[in-house]
Amino acid sequence: MSRKQSTKEITKRYILFIISLFFSALGVAITKRGELGVSPISSVANIMSMKYTALSLGNWLIIWNCVLILGQILLLRKKFQWIQLLQIPVSFLFGYFTDFGMWMVSFVKVDNYGMRLLMICLGTIVLGFGIALSVIADVIMNSGEAFVKSISDTIHKDFGSVKIGFDISCVILAVLLSLLFFNFRIEGTREGTLIAAIFTGIVVKIFRPLLNDPLTGILIHE
């Protein structure tokens, strides 16, 4: 039997979700600054931002997330819940946070490989922390996970398996776009993308049990 949530609790959950968006976006920005690739779900937007520089990475992330929302509507059709259109303002907020994060880390010098690798690792940790917060907030899925869930529900396959396939597809698409745009060179999708793909989930699994009880206590406390 589900517990009825008060308006105060719901408000606090959305505040926590917005905080989680900021940390997730900051993680993407830090990883981007490392110049060794970004997380799989951001890799397509990253390539587009490198090719069409009139728009920032944050702008391209907004566009990419809106494409994923449209994908959900086409997949689910009448089963699409219109409350999920809240993903649109969430996508804009994530994009703005990403650009703000890029500005925050723009002063960091990444003139050697060791520093770049450090930025990738730090970005992955911050991204995982943000995702852990969003899971605890438990209010709305981001467009990437919601798109994966819509595929999972449509083809009746395990969410985790579909998520792996989706991440791989994003990386493949990013590589193909890179080859097309940059004279058959792979740009923007490197070992950092692999590190983020492997370790982000592990970081979430570390942070979630550590944060769950104290944050849940704050959320449900009147």
N, C-alpha and C. Protein backbone atom coordinates (compact mmCIF):
# COMPACT_ATOMS: atom_id res chain seq x y z
N MET A 1 0.85 -1.19 0.00
CA MET A 1 0.00 0.00 0.00
C MET A 1 0.89 1.25 0.00
N SER A 2 0.69 2.14 -0.96
CA SER A 2 1.54 3.31 -1.09
C SER A 2 1.16 4.37 -0.06
N ARG A 3 2.14 5.10 0.39
CA ARG A 3 1.93 6.14 1.38
C ARG A 3 1.57 7.44 0.69
N LYS A 4 0.55 8.12 1.19
CA LYS A 4 0.13 9.39 0.59
C LYS A 4 1.15 10.47 0.96
N GLN A 5 1.60 11.20 -0.05
CA GLN A 5 2.60 12.25 0.18
C GLN A 5 1.91 13.60 0.35
N SER A 6 2.40 14.38 1.31
CA SER A 6 1.86 15.71 1.55
C SER A 6 2.41 16.67 0.49
N THR A 7 1.76 17.82 0.38
CA THR A 7 2.22 18.85 -0.55
C THR A 7 3.64 19.31 -0.20
N LYS A 8 3.92 19.40 1.10
CA LYS A 8 5.24 19.81 1.57
C LYS A 8 6.30 18.80 1.14
N GLU A 9 5.98 17.52 1.28
CA GLU A 9 6.94 16.48 0.89
C GLU A 9 7.17 16.51 -0.62
N ILE A 10 6.10 16.64 -1.39
CA ILE A 10 6.24 16.68 -2.85
C ILE A 10 7.09 17.87 -3.27
N THR A 11 6.88 19.02 -2.62
CA THR A 11 7.68 20.21 -2.91
C THR A 11 9.15 19.95 -2.64
N LYS A 12 9.44 19.33 -1.50
CA LYS A 12 10.83 19.03 -1.15
C LYS A 12 11.45 18.04 -2.12
N ARG A 13 10.64 17.10 -2.60
CA ARG A 13 11.15 16.12 -3.57
C ARG A 13 11.52 16.80 -4.89
N TYR A 14 10.71 17.75 -5.32
CA TYR A 14 11.03 18.47 -6.56
C TYR A 14 12.24 19.37 -6.39
N ILE A 15 12.40 19.95 -5.21
CA ILE A 15 13.60 20.75 -4.94
C ILE A 15 14.84 19.87 -5.01
N LEU A 16 14.75 18.68 -4.39
CA LEU A 16 15.87 17.73 -4.44
C LEU A 16 16.15 17.31 -5.88
N PHE A 17 15.08 17.14 -6.67
CA PHE A 17 15.26 16.75 -8.07
C PHE A 17 15.98 17.84 -8.85
N ILE A 18 15.64 19.10 -8.61
CA ILE A 18 16.32 20.21 -9.29
C ILE A 18 17.79 20.25 -8.89
N ILE A 19 18.06 20.00 -7.60
CA ILE A 19 19.45 19.93 -7.14
C ILE A 19 20.18 18.79 -7.84
N SER A 20 19.49 17.66 -8.00
CA SER A 20 20.09 16.51 -8.68
C SER A 20 20.41 16.84 -10.13
N LEU A 21 19.53 17.61 -10.78
CA LEU A 21 19.78 18.02 -12.17
C LEU A 21 21.04 18.86 -12.27
N PHE A 22 21.22 19.76 -11.29
CA PHE A 22 22.41 20.61 -11.30
C PHE A 22 23.68 19.78 -11.22
N PHE A 23 23.72 18.82 -10.29
CA PHE A 23 24.92 18.00 -10.14
C PHE A 23 25.14 17.09 -11.35
N SER A 24 24.06 16.57 -11.91
CA SER A 24 24.20 15.73 -13.11
C SER A 24 24.77 16.55 -14.27
N ALA A 25 24.24 17.76 -14.45
CA ALA A 25 24.72 18.64 -15.51
C ALA A 25 26.16 19.06 -15.27
N LEU A 26 26.49 19.35 -14.00
CA LEU A 26 27.87 19.71 -13.66
C LEU A 26 28.81 18.56 -13.97
N GLY A 27 28.36 17.33 -13.71
CA GLY A 27 29.16 16.15 -14.04
C GLY A 27 29.45 16.05 -15.52
N VAL A 28 28.44 16.33 -16.34
CA VAL A 28 28.62 16.33 -17.80
C VAL A 28 29.62 17.41 -18.20
N ALA A 29 29.48 18.60 -17.59
CA ALA A 29 30.37 19.72 -17.92
C ALA A 29 31.82 19.42 -17.54
N ILE A 30 32.02 18.84 -16.38
CA ILE A 30 33.38 18.49 -15.94
C ILE A 30 33.99 17.45 -16.87
N THR A 31 33.18 16.46 -17.23
CA THR A 31 33.65 15.42 -18.15
C THR A 31 34.00 16.01 -19.51
N LYS A 32 33.15 16.90 -19.99
CA LYS A 32 33.40 17.58 -21.27
C LYS A 32 34.71 18.35 -21.23
N ARG A 33 34.99 18.99 -20.09
CA ARG A 33 36.22 19.76 -19.95
C ARG A 33 37.46 18.87 -20.04
N GLY A 34 37.31 17.60 -19.68
CA GLY A 34 38.43 16.67 -19.77
C GLY A 34 38.82 16.33 -21.19
N GLU A 35 37.94 16.62 -22.15
CA GLU A 35 38.22 16.44 -23.58
C GLU A 35 38.57 15.01 -23.96
N LEU A 36 38.02 14.06 -23.22
CA LEU A 36 38.23 12.64 -23.56
C LEU A 36 36.90 11.94 -23.80
N GLY A 37 35.86 12.73 -24.10
CA GLY A 37 34.55 12.15 -24.32
C GLY A 37 33.62 12.42 -23.16
N VAL A 38 32.32 12.26 -23.40
CA VAL A 38 31.31 12.47 -22.36
C VAL A 38 30.50 11.19 -22.19
N SER A 39 29.53 11.20 -21.30
CA SER A 39 28.71 10.01 -21.06
C SER A 39 27.96 9.62 -22.34
N PRO A 40 27.63 8.34 -22.50
CA PRO A 40 26.98 7.88 -23.74
C PRO A 40 25.74 8.68 -24.14
N ILE A 41 24.87 8.97 -23.18
CA ILE A 41 23.62 9.65 -23.52
C ILE A 41 23.85 11.09 -23.99
N SER A 42 24.99 11.69 -23.60
CA SER A 42 25.31 13.05 -24.02
C SER A 42 26.21 13.10 -25.25
N SER A 43 26.64 11.93 -25.72
CA SER A 43 27.66 11.88 -26.76
C SER A 43 27.18 12.44 -28.10
N VAL A 44 25.93 12.22 -28.45
CA VAL A 44 25.41 12.74 -29.72
C VAL A 44 25.36 14.27 -29.68
N ALA A 45 24.82 14.81 -28.58
CA ALA A 45 24.76 16.27 -28.42
C ALA A 45 26.16 16.87 -28.41
N ASN A 46 27.11 16.15 -27.84
CA ASN A 46 28.50 16.62 -27.80
C ASN A 46 29.08 16.77 -29.20
N ILE A 47 28.86 15.77 -30.05
CA ILE A 47 29.35 15.83 -31.43
C ILE A 47 28.69 16.99 -32.18
N MET A 48 27.38 17.15 -32.00
CA MET A 48 26.66 18.22 -32.68
C MET A 48 27.19 19.59 -32.24
N SER A 49 27.53 19.72 -30.95
CA SER A 49 28.05 21.00 -30.46
C SER A 49 29.44 21.28 -31.00
N MET A 50 30.20 20.22 -31.30
CA MET A 50 31.53 20.39 -31.88
C MET A 50 31.45 20.78 -33.35
N LYS A 51 30.43 20.28 -34.05
CA LYS A 51 30.27 20.58 -35.46
C LYS A 51 29.57 21.93 -35.67
N TYR A 52 28.49 22.14 -34.97
CA TYR A 52 27.70 23.36 -35.12
C TYR A 52 27.85 24.20 -33.85
N THR A 53 28.90 24.97 -33.82
CA THR A 53 29.31 25.68 -32.62
C THR A 53 28.46 26.91 -32.30
N ALA A 54 27.55 27.27 -33.18
CA ALA A 54 26.66 28.40 -32.90
C ALA A 54 25.77 28.09 -31.70
N LEU A 55 25.52 26.81 -31.47
CA LEU A 55 24.76 26.38 -30.30
C LEU A 55 25.70 25.70 -29.31
N SER A 56 25.48 25.94 -28.04
CA SER A 56 26.32 25.36 -26.99
C SER A 56 25.97 23.90 -26.75
N LEU A 57 26.80 23.23 -25.96
CA LEU A 57 26.49 21.85 -25.57
C LEU A 57 25.15 21.78 -24.86
N GLY A 58 24.90 22.75 -23.98
CA GLY A 58 23.62 22.78 -23.27
C GLY A 58 22.44 22.90 -24.21
N ASN A 59 22.57 23.76 -25.24
CA ASN A 59 21.51 23.90 -26.24
C ASN A 59 21.26 22.60 -26.98
N TRP A 60 22.33 21.93 -27.37
CA TRP A 60 22.19 20.67 -28.10
C TRP A 60 21.61 19.58 -27.20
N LEU A 61 21.93 19.62 -25.91
CA LEU A 61 21.33 18.66 -24.98
C LEU A 61 19.83 18.88 -24.86
N ILE A 62 19.40 20.13 -24.88
CA ILE A 62 17.97 20.44 -24.87
C ILE A 62 17.29 19.84 -26.10
N ILE A 63 17.89 20.06 -27.26
CA ILE A 63 17.35 19.52 -28.52
C ILE A 63 17.29 17.99 -28.48
N TRP A 64 18.40 17.37 -28.05
CA TRP A 64 18.48 15.91 -27.99
C TRP A 64 17.43 15.34 -27.04
N ASN A 65 17.27 15.97 -25.88
CA ASN A 65 16.28 15.48 -24.91
C ASN A 65 14.86 15.63 -25.44
N CYS A 66 14.60 16.72 -26.18
CA CYS A 66 13.28 16.90 -26.77
C CYS A 66 13.00 15.86 -27.86
N VAL A 67 14.05 15.47 -28.59
CA VAL A 67 13.92 14.38 -29.58
C VAL A 67 13.53 13.09 -28.86
N LEU A 68 14.14 12.83 -27.71
CA LEU A 68 13.82 11.62 -26.94
C LEU A 68 12.40 11.67 -26.40
N ILE A 69 11.92 12.85 -26.03
CA ILE A 69 10.54 13.00 -25.57
C ILE A 69 9.57 12.71 -26.73
N LEU A 70 9.88 13.24 -27.91
CA LEU A 70 9.07 12.96 -29.09
C LEU A 70 9.06 11.46 -29.39
N GLY A 71 10.22 10.82 -29.20
CA GLY A 71 10.32 9.38 -29.39
C GLY A 71 9.39 8.62 -28.46
N GLN A 72 9.27 9.08 -27.23
CA GLN A 72 8.36 8.44 -26.27
C GLN A 72 6.91 8.55 -26.74
N ILE A 73 6.55 9.73 -27.22
CA ILE A 73 5.17 9.95 -27.70
C ILE A 73 4.86 9.03 -28.88
N LEU A 74 5.80 8.90 -29.81
CA LEU A 74 5.60 8.06 -30.99
C LEU A 74 5.52 6.58 -30.61
N LEU A 75 6.32 6.18 -29.62
CA LEU A 75 6.33 4.79 -29.19
C LEU A 75 5.08 4.42 -28.39
N LEU A 76 4.71 5.27 -27.44
CA LEU A 76 3.62 4.94 -26.52
C LEU A 76 2.25 5.36 -27.04
N ARG A 77 2.22 6.39 -27.87
CA ARG A 77 0.98 6.91 -28.44
C ARG A 77 -0.07 7.18 -27.35
N LYS A 78 -1.19 6.46 -27.36
CA LYS A 78 -2.25 6.73 -26.39
C LYS A 78 -1.83 6.41 -24.96
N LYS A 79 -0.81 5.59 -24.81
CA LYS A 79 -0.35 5.22 -23.46
C LYS A 79 0.58 6.29 -22.86
N PHE A 80 0.96 7.26 -23.68
CA PHE A 80 1.85 8.32 -23.18
C PHE A 80 1.09 9.16 -22.16
N GLN A 81 1.68 9.33 -20.98
CA GLN A 81 1.07 10.13 -19.92
C GLN A 81 1.50 11.59 -20.09
N TRP A 82 0.54 12.47 -20.23
CA TRP A 82 0.86 13.86 -20.57
C TRP A 82 1.60 14.58 -19.44
N ILE A 83 1.54 14.03 -18.22
CA ILE A 83 2.33 14.60 -17.13
C ILE A 83 3.82 14.52 -17.46
N GLN A 84 4.17 13.56 -18.35
CA GLN A 84 5.57 13.39 -18.73
C GLN A 84 6.09 14.55 -19.59
N LEU A 85 5.20 15.42 -20.03
CA LEU A 85 5.65 16.62 -20.75
C LEU A 85 6.44 17.56 -19.84
N LEU A 86 6.37 17.28 -18.52
CA LEU A 86 7.22 18.01 -17.58
C LEU A 86 8.71 17.79 -17.90
N GLN A 87 8.98 16.73 -18.67
CA GLN A 87 10.36 16.48 -19.09
C GLN A 87 10.89 17.63 -19.95
N ILE A 88 10.01 18.37 -20.60
CA ILE A 88 10.46 19.47 -21.46
C ILE A 88 11.11 20.58 -20.65
N PRO A 89 10.43 21.16 -19.63
CA PRO A 89 11.14 22.16 -18.82
C PRO A 89 12.35 21.58 -18.09
N VAL A 90 12.27 20.30 -17.72
CA VAL A 90 13.42 19.64 -17.08
C VAL A 90 14.61 19.62 -18.05
N SER A 91 14.34 19.35 -19.33
CA SER A 91 15.39 19.32 -20.35
C SER A 91 16.04 20.69 -20.52
N PHE A 92 15.21 21.74 -20.52
CA PHE A 92 15.75 23.09 -20.64
C PHE A 92 16.62 23.43 -19.42
N LEU A 93 16.13 23.06 -18.25
CA LEU A 93 16.89 23.33 -17.02
C LEU A 93 18.22 22.60 -17.04
N PHE A 94 18.20 21.34 -17.49
CA PHE A 94 19.44 20.56 -17.57
C PHE A 94 20.43 21.20 -18.55
N GLY A 95 19.91 21.67 -19.67
CA GLY A 95 20.77 22.32 -20.65
C GLY A 95 21.40 23.59 -20.10
N TYR A 96 20.60 24.41 -19.42
CA TYR A 96 21.12 25.64 -18.83
C TYR A 96 22.15 25.34 -17.75
N PHE A 97 21.86 24.33 -16.93
CA PHE A 97 22.80 23.94 -15.88
C PHE A 97 24.12 23.45 -16.48
N THR A 98 24.03 22.74 -17.60
CA THR A 98 25.24 22.24 -18.26
C THR A 98 26.12 23.40 -18.72
N ASP A 99 25.51 24.39 -19.36
CA ASP A 99 26.29 25.55 -19.82
C ASP A 99 26.86 26.33 -18.64
N PHE A 100 26.10 26.43 -17.56
CA PHE A 100 26.60 27.10 -16.37
C PHE A 100 27.77 26.32 -15.79
N GLY A 101 27.65 25.00 -15.79
CA GLY A 101 28.75 24.15 -15.32
C GLY A 101 29.98 24.29 -16.18
N MET A 102 29.78 24.41 -17.50
CA MET A 102 30.91 24.63 -18.41
C MET A 102 31.63 25.92 -18.06
N TRP A 103 30.86 26.94 -17.73
CA TRP A 103 31.45 28.22 -17.33
C TRP A 103 32.22 28.06 -16.02
N MET A 104 31.66 27.30 -15.09
CA MET A 104 32.29 27.11 -13.78
C MET A 104 33.66 26.44 -13.89
N VAL A 105 33.81 25.51 -14.82
CA VAL A 105 35.07 24.75 -14.92
C VAL A 105 35.96 25.26 -16.04
N SER A 106 35.55 26.35 -16.69
CA SER A 106 36.32 26.85 -17.84
C SER A 106 37.73 27.30 -17.47
N PHE A 107 37.96 27.63 -16.19
CA PHE A 107 39.28 28.11 -15.75
C PHE A 107 40.26 26.96 -15.53
N VAL A 108 39.75 25.73 -15.43
CA VAL A 108 40.61 24.58 -15.13
C VAL A 108 41.50 24.27 -16.34
N LYS A 109 42.80 24.19 -16.10
CA LYS A 109 43.75 23.90 -17.17
C LYS A 109 43.84 22.39 -17.36
N VAL A 110 43.68 21.95 -18.60
CA VAL A 110 43.75 20.52 -18.92
C VAL A 110 44.82 20.31 -19.99
N ASP A 111 46.03 20.73 -19.66
CA ASP A 111 47.10 20.71 -20.65
C ASP A 111 47.94 19.43 -20.65
N ASN A 112 47.51 18.41 -19.88
CA ASN A 112 48.18 17.12 -19.93
C ASN A 112 47.17 16.00 -19.75
N TYR A 113 47.55 14.81 -20.16
CA TYR A 113 46.62 13.69 -20.16
C TYR A 113 46.15 13.32 -18.76
N GLY A 114 47.06 13.41 -17.79
CA GLY A 114 46.71 13.07 -16.41
C GLY A 114 45.59 13.95 -15.89
N MET A 115 45.66 15.24 -16.19
CA MET A 115 44.62 16.17 -15.75
C MET A 115 43.30 15.89 -16.46
N ARG A 116 43.39 15.55 -17.73
CA ARG A 116 42.17 15.22 -18.48
C ARG A 116 41.49 13.97 -17.90
N LEU A 117 42.31 12.98 -17.57
CA LEU A 117 41.76 11.75 -16.99
C LEU A 117 41.14 12.02 -15.63
N LEU A 118 41.77 12.91 -14.86
CA LEU A 118 41.24 13.29 -13.55
C LEU A 118 39.88 13.96 -13.71
N MET A 119 39.74 14.81 -14.71
CA MET A 119 38.46 15.49 -14.95
C MET A 119 37.37 14.50 -15.33
N ILE A 120 37.75 13.49 -16.11
CA ILE A 120 36.78 12.45 -16.48
C ILE A 120 36.30 11.72 -15.23
N CYS A 121 37.23 11.34 -14.38
CA CYS A 121 36.89 10.60 -13.15
C CYS A 121 36.03 11.46 -12.23
N LEU A 122 36.43 12.72 -12.05
CA LEU A 122 35.66 13.63 -11.19
C LEU A 122 34.27 13.87 -11.76
N GLY A 123 34.18 14.08 -13.06
CA GLY A 123 32.89 14.29 -13.70
C GLY A 123 31.97 13.09 -13.55
N THR A 124 32.53 11.90 -13.65
CA THR A 124 31.75 10.68 -13.50
C THR A 124 31.21 10.54 -12.08
N ILE A 125 32.03 10.91 -11.10
CA ILE A 125 31.60 10.86 -9.70
C ILE A 125 30.47 11.86 -9.44
N VAL A 126 30.63 13.09 -9.95
CA VAL A 126 29.61 14.12 -9.76
C VAL A 126 28.32 13.73 -10.48
N LEU A 127 28.43 13.18 -11.69
CA LEU A 127 27.26 12.73 -12.43
C LEU A 127 26.54 11.62 -11.68
N GLY A 128 27.29 10.64 -11.17
CA GLY A 128 26.69 9.55 -10.41
C GLY A 128 26.00 10.04 -9.15
N PHE A 129 26.61 11.04 -8.49
CA PHE A 129 26.01 11.65 -7.31
C PHE A 129 24.68 12.30 -7.66
N GLY A 130 24.64 13.02 -8.77
CA GLY A 130 23.41 13.68 -9.20
C GLY A 130 22.32 12.67 -9.53
N ILE A 131 22.69 11.59 -10.20
CA ILE A 131 21.69 10.56 -10.54
C ILE A 131 21.15 9.90 -9.28
N ALA A 132 22.03 9.66 -8.30
CA ALA A 132 21.59 9.06 -7.03
C ALA A 132 20.56 9.95 -6.34
N LEU A 133 20.79 11.27 -6.37
CA LEU A 133 19.83 12.21 -5.79
C LEU A 133 18.50 12.16 -6.51
N SER A 134 18.54 12.04 -7.84
CA SER A 134 17.29 12.02 -8.61
C SER A 134 16.49 10.75 -8.33
N VAL A 135 17.18 9.64 -8.11
CA VAL A 135 16.51 8.38 -7.78
C VAL A 135 15.80 8.51 -6.43
N ILE A 136 16.48 9.14 -5.47
CA ILE A 136 15.90 9.33 -4.13
C ILE A 136 14.72 10.30 -4.19
N ALA A 137 14.85 11.36 -5.01
CA ALA A 137 13.76 12.33 -5.15
C ALA A 137 12.49 11.66 -5.66
N ASP A 138 12.64 10.75 -6.63
CA ASP A 138 11.55 9.90 -7.10
C ASP A 138 10.31 10.69 -7.54
N VAL A 139 10.51 11.67 -8.43
CA VAL A 139 9.36 12.43 -8.90
C VAL A 139 9.11 12.29 -10.40
N ILE A 140 10.15 12.41 -11.20
CA ILE A 140 9.98 12.30 -12.65
C ILE A 140 11.28 11.77 -13.25
N MET A 141 11.16 10.99 -14.29
CA MET A 141 12.34 10.45 -14.95
C MET A 141 12.88 11.48 -15.93
N ASN A 142 14.21 11.47 -16.14
CA ASN A 142 14.74 12.32 -17.21
C ASN A 142 14.39 11.69 -18.55
N SER A 143 14.51 12.46 -19.61
CA SER A 143 14.03 12.01 -20.92
C SER A 143 14.75 10.76 -21.42
N GLY A 144 16.04 10.64 -21.09
CA GLY A 144 16.80 9.47 -21.54
C GLY A 144 16.26 8.18 -20.92
N GLU A 145 16.10 8.19 -19.60
CA GLU A 145 15.60 6.99 -18.92
C GLU A 145 14.14 6.73 -19.28
N ALA A 146 13.36 7.80 -19.45
CA ALA A 146 11.96 7.64 -19.83
C ALA A 146 11.83 7.04 -21.23
N PHE A 147 12.75 7.44 -22.13
CA PHE A 147 12.75 6.88 -23.49
C PHE A 147 13.08 5.39 -23.44
N VAL A 148 14.08 5.05 -22.63
CA VAL A 148 14.44 3.64 -22.47
C VAL A 148 13.27 2.85 -21.91
N LYS A 149 12.58 3.41 -20.92
CA LYS A 149 11.43 2.73 -20.32
C LYS A 149 10.31 2.54 -21.34
N SER A 150 10.12 3.53 -22.20
CA SER A 150 9.07 3.41 -23.21
C SER A 150 9.39 2.29 -24.20
N ILE A 151 10.67 2.14 -24.55
CA ILE A 151 11.07 1.03 -25.41
C ILE A 151 10.86 -0.29 -24.69
N SER A 152 11.30 -0.32 -23.41
CA SER A 152 11.18 -1.52 -22.59
C SER A 152 9.72 -1.97 -22.48
N ASP A 153 8.83 -1.02 -22.24
CA ASP A 153 7.40 -1.35 -22.10
C ASP A 153 6.81 -1.79 -23.43
N THR A 154 7.29 -1.20 -24.53
CA THR A 154 6.73 -1.52 -25.85
C THR A 154 7.14 -2.90 -26.33
N ILE A 155 8.41 -3.25 -26.13
CA ILE A 155 8.90 -4.53 -26.64
C ILE A 155 8.95 -5.60 -25.54
N HIS A 156 8.55 -5.21 -24.33
CA HIS A 156 8.48 -6.14 -23.20
C HIS A 156 9.83 -6.80 -22.90
N LYS A 157 10.84 -5.96 -22.82
CA LYS A 157 12.18 -6.42 -22.47
C LYS A 157 12.65 -5.74 -21.20
N ASP A 158 13.61 -6.36 -20.51
CA ASP A 158 14.14 -5.83 -19.27
C ASP A 158 14.72 -4.43 -19.45
N PHE A 159 14.40 -3.52 -18.52
CA PHE A 159 14.86 -2.14 -18.60
C PHE A 159 16.38 -2.06 -18.68
N GLY A 160 17.07 -2.82 -17.83
CA GLY A 160 18.53 -2.77 -17.79
C GLY A 160 19.15 -3.18 -19.11
N SER A 161 18.60 -4.20 -19.73
CA SER A 161 19.13 -4.67 -21.02
C SER A 161 18.90 -3.63 -22.11
N VAL A 162 17.71 -3.01 -22.11
CA VAL A 162 17.40 -1.98 -23.09
C VAL A 162 18.31 -0.77 -22.88
N LYS A 163 18.58 -0.44 -21.60
CA LYS A 163 19.44 0.72 -21.28
C LYS A 163 20.84 0.51 -21.84
N ILE A 164 21.37 -0.70 -21.71
CA ILE A 164 22.69 -1.00 -22.26
C ILE A 164 22.68 -0.83 -23.78
N GLY A 165 21.64 -1.38 -24.41
CA GLY A 165 21.51 -1.25 -25.87
C GLY A 165 21.37 0.20 -26.31
N PHE A 166 20.64 0.99 -25.53
CA PHE A 166 20.46 2.40 -25.85
C PHE A 166 21.78 3.16 -25.75
N ASP A 167 22.52 2.92 -24.67
CA ASP A 167 23.82 3.59 -24.49
C ASP A 167 24.78 3.25 -25.63
N ILE A 168 24.81 1.97 -26.00
CA ILE A 168 25.68 1.54 -27.10
C ILE A 168 25.25 2.22 -28.41
N SER A 169 23.94 2.31 -28.62
CA SER A 169 23.42 2.95 -29.84
C SER A 169 23.80 4.42 -29.89
N CYS A 170 23.76 5.10 -28.74
CA CYS A 170 24.14 6.51 -28.67
C CYS A 170 25.61 6.69 -29.06
N VAL A 171 26.45 5.82 -28.54
CA VAL A 171 27.89 5.89 -28.83
C VAL A 171 28.14 5.62 -30.31
N ILE A 172 27.48 4.60 -30.86
CA ILE A 172 27.64 4.27 -32.27
C ILE A 172 27.20 5.45 -33.15
N LEU A 173 26.07 6.05 -32.81
CA LEU A 173 25.57 7.20 -33.57
C LEU A 173 26.55 8.37 -33.49
N ALA A 174 27.10 8.59 -32.29
CA ALA A 174 28.07 9.68 -32.11
C ALA A 174 29.32 9.44 -32.96
N VAL A 175 29.77 8.20 -32.99
CA VAL A 175 30.96 7.86 -33.79
C VAL A 175 30.67 8.05 -35.28
N LEU A 176 29.51 7.61 -35.72
CA LEU A 176 29.14 7.76 -37.13
C LEU A 176 29.04 9.24 -37.53
N LEU A 177 28.46 10.04 -36.65
CA LEU A 177 28.37 11.48 -36.92
C LEU A 177 29.75 12.11 -36.96
N SER A 178 30.64 11.65 -36.06
CA SER A 178 32.01 12.17 -36.05
C SER A 178 32.73 11.84 -37.35
N LEU A 179 32.60 10.61 -37.81
CA LEU A 179 33.23 10.21 -39.07
C LEU A 179 32.69 11.03 -40.24
N LEU A 180 31.39 11.32 -40.18
CA LEU A 180 30.75 12.10 -41.24
C LEU A 180 31.20 13.57 -41.22
N PHE A 181 31.26 14.13 -40.02
CA PHE A 181 31.53 15.57 -39.88
C PHE A 181 33.01 15.93 -39.93
N PHE A 182 33.87 15.01 -39.49
CA PHE A 182 35.28 15.36 -39.28
C PHE A 182 36.24 14.50 -40.13
N ASN A 183 35.88 14.35 -41.40
CA ASN A 183 36.76 13.68 -42.36
C ASN A 183 37.23 12.30 -41.89
N PHE A 184 36.26 11.49 -41.48
CA PHE A 184 36.51 10.11 -41.07
C PHE A 184 37.45 10.01 -39.85
N ARG A 185 37.38 11.02 -38.97
CA ARG A 185 38.10 10.97 -37.70
C ARG A 185 37.08 10.83 -36.57
N ILE A 186 37.46 10.07 -35.55
CA ILE A 186 36.61 9.95 -34.38
C ILE A 186 36.97 11.06 -33.40
N GLU A 187 36.05 11.97 -33.20
CA GLU A 187 36.25 13.10 -32.29
C GLU A 187 35.17 13.06 -31.20
N GLY A 188 35.52 13.49 -30.00
CA GLY A 188 34.53 13.67 -28.95
C GLY A 188 33.99 12.41 -28.31
N THR A 189 34.41 11.25 -28.78
CA THR A 189 33.97 9.98 -28.20
C THR A 189 35.20 9.12 -28.00
N ARG A 190 35.72 9.16 -26.78
CA ARG A 190 36.99 8.48 -26.51
C ARG A 190 36.89 7.65 -25.24
N GLU A 191 38.03 7.43 -24.59
CA GLU A 191 38.04 6.58 -23.41
C GLU A 191 37.21 7.14 -22.27
N GLY A 192 37.01 8.47 -22.26
CA GLY A 192 36.17 9.07 -21.23
C GLY A 192 34.73 8.59 -21.32
N THR A 193 34.26 8.37 -22.55
CA THR A 193 32.91 7.84 -22.75
C THR A 193 32.79 6.44 -22.17
N LEU A 194 33.82 5.63 -22.39
CA LEU A 194 33.83 4.27 -21.85
C LEU A 194 33.88 4.29 -20.33
N ILE A 195 34.71 5.16 -19.77
CA ILE A 195 34.82 5.27 -18.30
C ILE A 195 33.47 5.67 -17.71
N ALA A 196 32.83 6.67 -18.31
CA ALA A 196 31.52 7.12 -17.82
C ALA A 196 30.47 6.02 -17.93
N ALA A 197 30.52 5.28 -19.04
CA ALA A 197 29.55 4.20 -19.25
C ALA A 197 29.69 3.10 -18.21
N ILE A 198 30.92 2.76 -17.86
CA ILE A 198 31.17 1.65 -16.94
C ILE A 198 30.96 2.06 -15.49
N PHE A 199 31.45 3.25 -15.12
CA PHE A 199 31.54 3.58 -13.70
C PHE A 199 30.40 4.45 -13.15
N THR A 200 29.62 5.11 -14.01
CA THR A 200 28.53 5.95 -13.48
C THR A 200 27.55 5.13 -12.65
N GLY A 201 27.15 3.98 -13.17
CA GLY A 201 26.23 3.11 -12.43
C GLY A 201 26.82 2.64 -11.11
N ILE A 202 28.11 2.36 -11.11
CA ILE A 202 28.78 1.93 -9.88
C ILE A 202 28.77 3.05 -8.84
N VAL A 203 29.03 4.28 -9.29
CA VAL A 203 29.01 5.43 -8.39
C VAL A 203 27.62 5.62 -7.80
N VAL A 204 26.58 5.46 -8.63
CA VAL A 204 25.20 5.58 -8.14
C VAL A 204 24.93 4.53 -7.06
N LYS A 205 25.40 3.32 -7.27
CA LYS A 205 25.19 2.25 -6.30
C LYS A 205 25.92 2.52 -4.99
N ILE A 206 27.02 3.26 -5.05
CA ILE A 206 27.75 3.63 -3.83
C ILE A 206 27.03 4.75 -3.08
N PHE A 207 26.62 5.78 -3.81
CA PHE A 207 26.02 6.95 -3.17
C PHE A 207 24.60 6.70 -2.68
N ARG A 208 23.82 5.94 -3.43
CA ARG A 208 22.40 5.81 -3.10
C ARG A 208 22.15 5.29 -1.69
N PRO A 209 22.77 4.17 -1.27
CA PRO A 209 22.52 3.70 0.11
C PRO A 209 23.06 4.65 1.18
N LEU A 210 24.10 5.39 0.85
CA LEU A 210 24.67 6.34 1.81
C LEU A 210 23.74 7.53 2.03
N LEU A 211 23.06 7.95 0.96
CA LEU A 211 22.24 9.16 1.01
C LEU A 211 20.76 8.88 1.27
N ASN A 212 20.32 7.67 1.00
CA ASN A 212 18.89 7.36 1.01
C ASN A 212 18.22 7.65 2.35
N ASP A 213 18.74 7.08 3.42
CA ASP A 213 18.08 7.22 4.73
C ASP A 213 18.07 8.67 5.23
N PRO A 214 19.22 9.37 5.24
CA PRO A 214 19.17 10.77 5.73
C PRO A 214 18.31 11.68 4.87
N LEU A 215 18.37 11.53 3.56
CA LEU A 215 17.57 12.40 2.69
C LEU A 215 16.08 12.06 2.75
N THR A 216 15.77 10.76 2.83
CA THR A 216 14.37 10.35 2.94
C THR A 216 13.77 10.88 4.23
N GLY A 217 14.59 10.86 5.30
CA GLY A 217 14.14 11.41 6.58
C GLY A 217 13.78 12.88 6.47
N ILE A 218 14.59 13.62 5.73
CA ILE A 218 14.32 15.05 5.52
C ILE A 218 13.07 15.24 4.66
N LEU A 219 12.91 14.40 3.64
CA LEU A 219 11.79 14.53 2.71
C LEU A 219 10.44 14.26 3.39
N ILE A 220 10.39 13.26 4.22
CA ILE A 220 9.09 12.87 4.81
C ILE A 220 8.81 13.57 6.12
N HIS A 221 9.82 14.27 6.68
CA HIS A 221 9.63 14.97 7.94
C HIS A 221 8.78 16.22 7.73
N GLU A 222 7.71 16.33 8.48
CA GLU A 222 6.82 17.50 8.36
C GLU A 222 7.32 18.66 9.20
